[in-house]
């Protein structure tokens, strides 16, 4: 096991959330929740769908990819 793998396993244990019987990594659910929150906030602030959708999607993507670095599932690949 490399030092990076040891760091990843120490920082974040593998966590899964079951949605409709399907296990999802917790970081994906967190990313989708944060993206939804940004969608609602930007939508309320601008009263326009386009910037709200773009901001929500961009935020969810960045959080998803950022948290996947520390996921122990991706360390096994």
PDB file of N, CA and C in Angstrom:
ATOM      1  N   UNK A   1       0.851  -1.171   0.000  1.00  0.00           N
ATOM      2  CA  UNK A   1       0.000   0.000   0.000  1.00  0.00           C
ATOM      3  C   UNK A   1       0.901   1.240   0.000  1.00  0.00           C
ATOM      4  N   UNK A   2       0.602   2.171  -0.875  1.00  0.00           N
ATOM      5  CA  UNK A   2       1.418   3.383  -0.968  1.00  0.00           C
ATOM      6  C   UNK A   2       1.017   4.383   0.102  1.00  0.00           C
ATOM      7  N   UNK A   3       1.814   5.410   0.234  1.00  0.00           N
ATOM      8  CA  UNK A   3       1.518   6.452   1.215  1.00  0.00           C
ATOM      9  C   UNK A   3       0.228   7.179   0.877  1.00  0.00           C
ATOM     10  N   UNK A   4      -0.021   7.417  -0.406  1.00  0.00           N
ATOM     11  CA  UNK A   4      -1.248   8.099  -0.827  1.00  0.00           C
ATOM     12  C   UNK A   4      -2.466   7.261  -0.460  1.00  0.00           C
ATOM     13  N   UNK A   5      -2.400   5.966  -0.683  1.00  0.00           N
ATOM     14  CA  UNK A   5      -3.521   5.100  -0.329  1.00  0.00           C
ATOM     15  C   UNK A   5      -3.735   5.073   1.178  1.00  0.00           C
ATOM     16  N   UNK A   6      -2.660   5.068   1.946  1.00  0.00           N
ATOM     17  CA  UNK A   6      -2.792   5.101   3.398  1.00  0.00           C
ATOM     18  C   UNK A   6      -3.428   6.416   3.845  1.00  0.00           C
ATOM     19  N   UNK A   7      -3.038   7.522   3.215  1.00  0.00           N
ATOM     20  CA  UNK A   7      -3.616   8.820   3.561  1.00  0.00           C
ATOM     21  C   UNK A   7      -5.098   8.850   3.245  1.00  0.00           C
ATOM     22  N   UNK A   8      -5.468   8.347   2.074  1.00  0.00           N
ATOM     23  CA  UNK A   8      -6.879   8.344   1.680  1.00  0.00           C
ATOM     24  C   UNK A   8      -7.718   7.494   2.627  1.00  0.00           C
ATOM     25  N   UNK A   9      -7.206   6.350   3.020  1.00  0.00           N
ATOM     26  CA  UNK A   9      -7.980   5.490   3.914  1.00  0.00           C
ATOM     27  C   UNK A   9      -8.072   6.084   5.315  1.00  0.00           C
ATOM     28  N   UNK A  10      -7.077   6.858   5.712  1.00  0.00           N
ATOM     29  CA  UNK A  10      -7.117   7.487   7.032  1.00  0.00           C
ATOM     30  C   UNK A  10      -8.020   8.706   7.047  1.00  0.00           C
ATOM     31  N   UNK A  11      -8.069   9.431   5.944  1.00  0.00           N
ATOM     32  CA  UNK A  11      -8.859  10.669   5.885  1.00  0.00           C
ATOM     33  C   UNK A  11     -10.338  10.374   5.817  1.00  0.00           C
ATOM     34  N   UNK A  12     -10.725   9.438   4.978  1.00  0.00           N
ATOM     35  CA  UNK A  12     -12.141   9.200   4.771  1.00  0.00           C
ATOM     36  C   UNK A  12     -12.424   7.715   4.610  1.00  0.00           C
ATOM     37  N   UNK A  13     -13.161   7.145   5.550  1.00  0.00           N
ATOM     38  CA  UNK A  13     -13.531   5.743   5.373  1.00  0.00           C
ATOM     39  C   UNK A  13     -14.597   5.605   4.284  1.00  0.00           C
ATOM     40  N   UNK A  14     -14.707   4.428   3.727  1.00  0.00           N
ATOM     41  CA  UNK A  14     -15.702   4.172   2.695  1.00  0.00           C
ATOM     42  C   UNK A  14     -17.093   4.222   3.313  1.00  0.00           C
ATOM     43  N   UNK A  15     -17.927   5.118   2.808  1.00  0.00           N
ATOM     44  CA  UNK A  15     -19.289   5.251   3.312  1.00  0.00           C
ATOM     45  C   UNK A  15     -20.254   5.161   2.145  1.00  0.00           C
ATOM     46  N   UNK A  16     -21.346   4.453   2.358  1.00  0.00           N
ATOM     47  CA  UNK A  16     -22.353   4.330   1.317  1.00  0.00           C
ATOM     48  C   UNK A  16     -23.714   4.674   1.883  1.00  0.00           C
ATOM     49  N   UNK A  17     -24.544   5.242   1.022  1.00  0.00           N
ATOM     50  CA  UNK A  17     -25.917   5.572   1.367  1.00  0.00           C
ATOM     51  C   UNK A  17     -26.802   4.797   0.401  1.00  0.00           C
ATOM     52  N   UNK A  18     -27.792   4.105   0.934  1.00  0.00           N
ATOM     53  CA  UNK A  18     -28.682   3.310   0.097  1.00  0.00           C
ATOM     54  C   UNK A  18     -29.895   4.148  -0.287  1.00  0.00           C
ATOM     55  N   UNK A  19     -30.082   4.315  -1.597  1.00  0.00           N
ATOM     56  CA  UNK A  19     -31.232   5.034  -2.136  1.00  0.00           C
ATOM     57  C   UNK A  19     -31.981   4.063  -3.034  1.00  0.00           C
ATOM     58  N   UNK A  20     -33.197   3.758  -2.659  1.00  0.00           N
ATOM     59  CA  UNK A  20     -34.036   2.808  -3.396  1.00  0.00           C
ATOM     60  C   UNK A  20     -33.321   1.469  -3.574  1.00  0.00           C
ATOM     61  N   UNK A  21     -32.581   1.074  -2.549  1.00  0.00           N
ATOM     62  CA  UNK A  21     -31.902  -0.205  -2.575  1.00  0.00           C
ATOM     63  C   UNK A  21     -30.589  -0.225  -3.334  1.00  0.00           C
ATOM     64  N   UNK A  22     -30.178   0.931  -3.846  1.00  0.00           N
ATOM     65  CA  UNK A  22     -28.926   1.010  -4.607  1.00  0.00           C
ATOM     66  C   UNK A  22     -27.891   1.754  -3.766  1.00  0.00           C
ATOM     67  N   UNK A  23     -26.725   1.139  -3.514  1.00  0.00           N
ATOM     68  CA  UNK A  23     -25.707   1.824  -2.716  1.00  0.00           C
ATOM     69  C   UNK A  23     -25.000   2.914  -3.523  1.00  0.00           C
ATOM     70  N   UNK A  24     -24.973   4.125  -2.963  1.00  0.00           N
ATOM     71  CA  UNK A  24     -24.278   5.267  -3.557  1.00  0.00           C
ATOM     72  C   UNK A  24     -23.150   5.669  -2.633  1.00  0.00           C
ATOM     73  N   UNK A  25     -21.987   6.006  -3.172  1.00  0.00           N
ATOM     74  CA  UNK A  25     -20.942   6.571  -2.312  1.00  0.00           C
ATOM     75  C   UNK A  25     -21.449   7.889  -1.713  1.00  0.00           C
ATOM     76  N   UNK A  26     -21.130   8.118  -0.467  1.00  0.00           N
ATOM     77  CA  UNK A  26     -21.648   9.295   0.238  1.00  0.00           C
ATOM     78  C   UNK A  26     -21.222  10.597  -0.424  1.00  0.00           C
ATOM     79  N   UNK A  27     -20.008  10.644  -0.999  1.00  0.00           N
ATOM     80  CA  UNK A  27     -19.554  11.893  -1.599  1.00  0.00           C
ATOM     81  C   UNK A  27     -20.420  12.298  -2.792  1.00  0.00           C
ATOM     82  N   UNK A  28     -20.997  11.332  -3.504  1.00  0.00           N
ATOM     83  CA  UNK A  28     -21.862  11.649  -4.637  1.00  0.00           C
ATOM     84  C   UNK A  28     -23.178  12.258  -4.164  1.00  0.00           C
ATOM     85  N   UNK A  29     -23.725  11.726  -3.085  1.00  0.00           N
ATOM     86  CA  UNK A  29     -24.965  12.261  -2.535  1.00  0.00           C
ATOM     87  C   UNK A  29     -24.733  13.670  -1.993  1.00  0.00           C
ATOM     88  N   UNK A  30     -23.598  13.883  -1.337  1.00  0.00           N
ATOM     89  CA  UNK A  30     -23.257  15.210  -0.823  1.00  0.00           C
ATOM     90  C   UNK A  30     -23.113  16.197  -1.977  1.00  0.00           C
ATOM     91  N   UNK A  31     -22.451  15.804  -3.048  1.00  0.00           N
ATOM     92  CA  UNK A  31     -22.257  16.685  -4.201  1.00  0.00           C
ATOM     93  C   UNK A  31     -23.593  17.060  -4.841  1.00  0.00           C
ATOM     94  N   UNK A  32     -24.482  16.093  -4.972  1.00  0.00           N
ATOM     95  CA  UNK A  32     -25.795  16.387  -5.543  1.00  0.00           C
ATOM     96  C   UNK A  32     -26.610  17.308  -4.636  1.00  0.00           C
ATOM     97  N   UNK A  33     -26.507  17.117  -3.328  1.00  0.00           N
ATOM     98  CA  UNK A  33     -27.213  17.987  -2.387  1.00  0.00           C
ATOM     99  C   UNK A  33     -26.702  19.416  -2.429  1.00  0.00           C
ATOM    100  N   UNK A  34     -25.389  19.582  -2.489  1.00  0.00           N
ATOM    101  CA  UNK A  34     -24.814  20.928  -2.567  1.00  0.00           C
ATOM    102  C   UNK A  34     -25.191  21.585  -3.892  1.00  0.00           C
ATOM    103  N   UNK A  35     -25.176  20.822  -4.980  1.00  0.00           N
ATOM    104  CA  UNK A  35     -25.595  21.360  -6.273  1.00  0.00           C
ATOM    105  C   UNK A  35     -27.045  21.807  -6.258  1.00  0.00           C
ATOM    106  N   UNK A  36     -27.903  21.043  -5.617  1.00  0.00           N
ATOM    107  CA  UNK A  36     -29.316  21.418  -5.496  1.00  0.00           C
ATOM    108  C   UNK A  36     -29.478  22.681  -4.656  1.00  0.00           C
ATOM    109  N   UNK A  37     -28.710  22.780  -3.588  1.00  0.00           N
ATOM    110  CA  UNK A  37     -28.763  23.971  -2.743  1.00  0.00           C
ATOM    111  C   UNK A  37     -28.338  25.217  -3.523  1.00  0.00           C
ATOM    112  N   UNK A  38     -27.271  25.109  -4.297  1.00  0.00           N
ATOM    113  CA  UNK A  38     -26.815  26.238  -5.120  1.00  0.00           C
ATOM    114  C   UNK A  38     -27.865  26.585  -6.168  1.00  0.00           C
ATOM    115  N   UNK A  39     -28.481  25.579  -6.771  1.00  0.00           N
ATOM    116  CA  UNK A  39     -29.549  25.811  -7.742  1.00  0.00           C
ATOM    117  C   UNK A  39     -30.673  26.657  -7.146  1.00  0.00           C
ATOM    118  N   UNK A  40     -31.107  26.293  -5.956  1.00  0.00           N
ATOM    119  CA  UNK A  40     -32.201  27.017  -5.304  1.00  0.00           C
ATOM    120  C   UNK A  40     -31.782  28.434  -4.927  1.00  0.00           C
ATOM    121  N   UNK A  41     -30.590  28.592  -4.375  1.00  0.00           N
ATOM    122  CA  UNK A  41     -30.129  29.923  -3.948  1.00  0.00           C
ATOM    123  C   UNK A  41     -29.953  30.851  -5.143  1.00  0.00           C
ATOM    124  N   UNK A  42     -29.273  30.378  -6.186  1.00  0.00           N
ATOM    125  CA  UNK A  42     -29.068  31.222  -7.373  1.00  0.00           C
ATOM    126  C   UNK A  42     -30.391  31.486  -8.075  1.00  0.00           C
ATOM    127  N   UNK A  43     -31.258  30.506  -8.109  1.00  0.00           N
ATOM    128  CA  UNK A  43     -32.578  30.699  -8.707  1.00  0.00           C
ATOM    129  C   UNK A  43     -33.395  31.744  -7.983  1.00  0.00           C
ATOM    130  N   UNK A  44     -33.329  31.743  -6.663  1.00  0.00           N
ATOM    131  CA  UNK A  44     -34.061  32.747  -5.889  1.00  0.00           C
ATOM    132  C   UNK A  44     -33.433  34.127  -6.036  1.00  0.00           C
ATOM    133  N   UNK A  45     -32.114  34.178  -6.139  1.00  0.00           N
ATOM    134  CA  UNK A  45     -31.433  35.465  -6.242  1.00  0.00           C
ATOM    135  C   UNK A  45     -31.601  36.104  -7.618  1.00  0.00           C
ATOM    136  N   UNK A  46     -31.611  35.284  -8.669  1.00  0.00           N
ATOM    137  CA  UNK A  46     -31.677  35.845 -10.016  1.00  0.00           C
ATOM    138  C   UNK A  46     -33.055  35.750 -10.650  1.00  0.00           C
ATOM    139  N   UNK A  47     -33.925  34.915 -10.133  1.00  0.00           N
ATOM    140  CA  UNK A  47     -35.255  34.676 -10.699  1.00  0.00           C
ATOM    141  C   UNK A  47     -35.161  34.250 -12.168  1.00  0.00           C
ATOM    142  N   UNK A  48     -34.111  33.524 -12.486  1.00  0.00           N
ATOM    143  CA  UNK A  48     -33.901  33.036 -13.846  1.00  0.00           C
ATOM    144  C   UNK A  48     -33.366  31.606 -13.769  1.00  0.00           C
ATOM    145  N   UNK A  49     -33.867  30.769 -14.658  1.00  0.00           N
ATOM    146  CA  UNK A  49     -33.488  29.354 -14.606  1.00  0.00           C
ATOM    147  C   UNK A  49     -32.086  29.083 -15.142  1.00  0.00           C
ATOM    148  N   UNK A  50     -31.696  29.801 -16.197  1.00  0.00           N
ATOM    149  CA  UNK A  50     -30.420  29.489 -16.858  1.00  0.00           C
ATOM    150  C   UNK A  50     -29.213  29.616 -15.927  1.00  0.00           C
ATOM    151  N   UNK A  51     -29.022  30.744 -15.254  1.00  0.00           N
ATOM    152  CA  UNK A  51     -27.849  30.813 -14.371  1.00  0.00           C
ATOM    153  C   UNK A  51     -27.950  29.860 -13.182  1.00  0.00           C
ATOM    154  N   UNK A  52     -29.169  29.605 -12.726  1.00  0.00           N
ATOM    155  CA  UNK A  52     -29.343  28.699 -11.594  1.00  0.00           C
ATOM    156  C   UNK A  52     -28.940  27.277 -11.965  1.00  0.00           C
ATOM    157  N   UNK A  53     -29.356  26.822 -13.130  1.00  0.00           N
ATOM    158  CA  UNK A  53     -29.023  25.468 -13.570  1.00  0.00           C
ATOM    159  C   UNK A  53     -27.522  25.339 -13.831  1.00  0.00           C
ATOM    160  N   UNK A  54     -26.959  26.338 -14.499  1.00  0.00           N
ATOM    161  CA  UNK A  54     -25.520  26.282 -14.782  1.00  0.00           C
ATOM    162  C   UNK A  54     -24.693  26.314 -13.506  1.00  0.00           C
ATOM    163  N   UNK A  55     -25.054  27.169 -12.561  1.00  0.00           N
ATOM    164  CA  UNK A  55     -24.303  27.251 -11.306  1.00  0.00           C
ATOM    165  C   UNK A  55     -24.457  25.969 -10.493  1.00  0.00           C
ATOM    166  N   UNK A  56     -25.665  25.425 -10.439  1.00  0.00           N
ATOM    167  CA  UNK A  56     -25.895  24.186  -9.701  1.00  0.00           C
ATOM    168  C   UNK A  56     -25.141  23.009 -10.296  1.00  0.00           C
ATOM    169  N   UNK A  57     -25.161  22.899 -11.624  1.00  0.00           N
ATOM    170  CA  UNK A  57     -24.459  21.805 -12.290  1.00  0.00           C
ATOM    171  C   UNK A  57     -22.944  21.939 -12.137  1.00  0.00           C
ATOM    172  N   UNK A  58     -22.442  23.162 -12.278  1.00  0.00           N
ATOM    173  CA  UNK A  58     -20.994  23.378 -12.131  1.00  0.00           C
ATOM    174  C   UNK A  58     -20.538  23.072 -10.711  1.00  0.00           C
ATOM    175  N   UNK A  59     -21.316  23.515  -9.735  1.00  0.00           N
ATOM    176  CA  UNK A  59     -20.960  23.265  -8.340  1.00  0.00           C
ATOM    177  C   UNK A  59     -20.981  21.772  -8.027  1.00  0.00           C
ATOM    178  N   UNK A  60     -22.031  21.086  -8.461  1.00  0.00           N
ATOM    179  CA  UNK A  60     -22.127  19.650  -8.204  1.00  0.00           C
ATOM    180  C   UNK A  60     -20.968  18.896  -8.862  1.00  0.00           C
ATOM    181  N   UNK A  61     -20.589  19.300 -10.057  1.00  0.00           N
ATOM    182  CA  UNK A  61     -19.486  18.636 -10.758  1.00  0.00           C
ATOM    183  C   UNK A  61     -18.162  18.840 -10.036  1.00  0.00           C
ATOM    184  N   UNK A  62     -17.903  20.072  -9.622  1.00  0.00           N
ATOM    185  CA  UNK A  62     -16.640  20.366  -8.934  1.00  0.00           C
ATOM    186  C   UNK A  62     -16.572  19.638  -7.593  1.00  0.00           C
ATOM    187  N   UNK A  63     -17.658  19.645  -6.846  1.00  0.00           N
ATOM    188  CA  UNK A  63     -17.672  18.955  -5.547  1.00  0.00           C
ATOM    189  C   UNK A  63     -17.538  17.450  -5.750  1.00  0.00           C
ATOM    190  N   UNK A  64     -18.248  16.901  -6.720  1.00  0.00           N
ATOM    191  CA  UNK A  64     -18.197  15.465  -7.025  1.00  0.00           C
ATOM    192  C   UNK A  64     -16.770  15.037  -7.342  1.00  0.00           C
ATOM    193  N   UNK A  65     -16.126  15.766  -8.250  1.00  0.00           N
ATOM    194  CA  UNK A  65     -14.756  15.415  -8.635  1.00  0.00           C
ATOM    195  C   UNK A  65     -13.763  15.681  -7.503  1.00  0.00           C
ATOM    196  N   UNK A  66     -13.980  16.758  -6.763  1.00  0.00           N
ATOM    197  CA  UNK A  66     -13.081  17.075  -5.661  1.00  0.00           C
ATOM    198  C   UNK A  66     -13.140  16.049  -4.546  1.00  0.00           C
ATOM    199  N   UNK A  67     -14.337  15.637  -4.183  1.00  0.00           N
ATOM    200  CA  UNK A  67     -14.474  14.655  -3.105  1.00  0.00           C
ATOM    201  C   UNK A  67     -14.103  13.249  -3.561  1.00  0.00           C
ATOM    202  N   UNK A  68     -14.198  12.977  -4.852  1.00  0.00           N
ATOM    203  CA  UNK A  68     -13.847  11.637  -5.330  1.00  0.00           C
ATOM    204  C   UNK A  68     -12.356  11.353  -5.158  1.00  0.00           C
ATOM    205  N   UNK A  69     -11.555  12.395  -5.067  1.00  0.00           N
ATOM    206  CA  UNK A  69     -10.119  12.214  -4.853  1.00  0.00           C
ATOM    207  C   UNK A  69      -9.861  11.537  -3.511  1.00  0.00           C
ATOM    208  N   UNK A  70     -10.681  11.870  -2.509  1.00  0.00           N
ATOM    209  CA  UNK A  70     -10.481  11.332  -1.174  1.00  0.00           C
ATOM    210  C   UNK A  70     -11.303  10.082  -0.903  1.00  0.00           C
ATOM    211  N   UNK A  71     -12.043   9.613  -1.877  1.00  0.00           N
ATOM    212  CA  UNK A  71     -12.851   8.421  -1.696  1.00  0.00           C
ATOM    213  C   UNK A  71     -11.958   7.189  -1.756  1.00  0.00           C
ATOM    214  N   UNK A  72     -12.159   6.273  -0.859  1.00  0.00           N
ATOM    215  CA  UNK A  72     -11.370   5.046  -0.859  1.00  0.00           C
ATOM    216  C   UNK A  72     -11.779   4.140  -2.019  1.00  0.00           C
ATOM    217  N   UNK A  73     -12.990   4.329  -2.569  1.00  0.00           N
ATOM    218  CA  UNK A  73     -13.404   3.549  -3.726  1.00  0.00           C
ATOM    219  C   UNK A  73     -12.547   3.879  -4.941  1.00  0.00           C
ATOM    220  N   UNK A  74     -12.261   5.162  -5.145  1.00  0.00           N
ATOM    221  CA  UNK A  74     -11.450   5.563  -6.300  1.00  0.00           C
ATOM    222  C   UNK A  74      -9.984   5.211  -6.098  1.00  0.00           C
ATOM    223  N   UNK A  75      -9.555   5.034  -4.863  1.00  0.00           N
ATOM    224  CA  UNK A  75      -8.163   4.668  -4.591  1.00  0.00           C
ATOM    225  C   UNK A  75      -7.886   3.226  -5.013  1.00  0.00           C
ATOM    226  N   UNK A  76      -8.929   2.411  -5.085  1.00  0.00           N
ATOM    227  CA  UNK A  76      -8.757   1.018  -5.450  1.00  0.00           C
ATOM    228  C   UNK A  76      -8.647   0.819  -6.949  1.00  0.00           C
ATOM    229  N   UNK A  77      -9.015   1.819  -7.753  1.00  0.00           N
ATOM    230  CA  UNK A  77      -9.008   1.688  -9.207  1.00  0.00           C
ATOM    231  C   UNK A  77      -7.640   1.725  -9.763  1.00  0.00           C
TER     232      UNK A  77
END
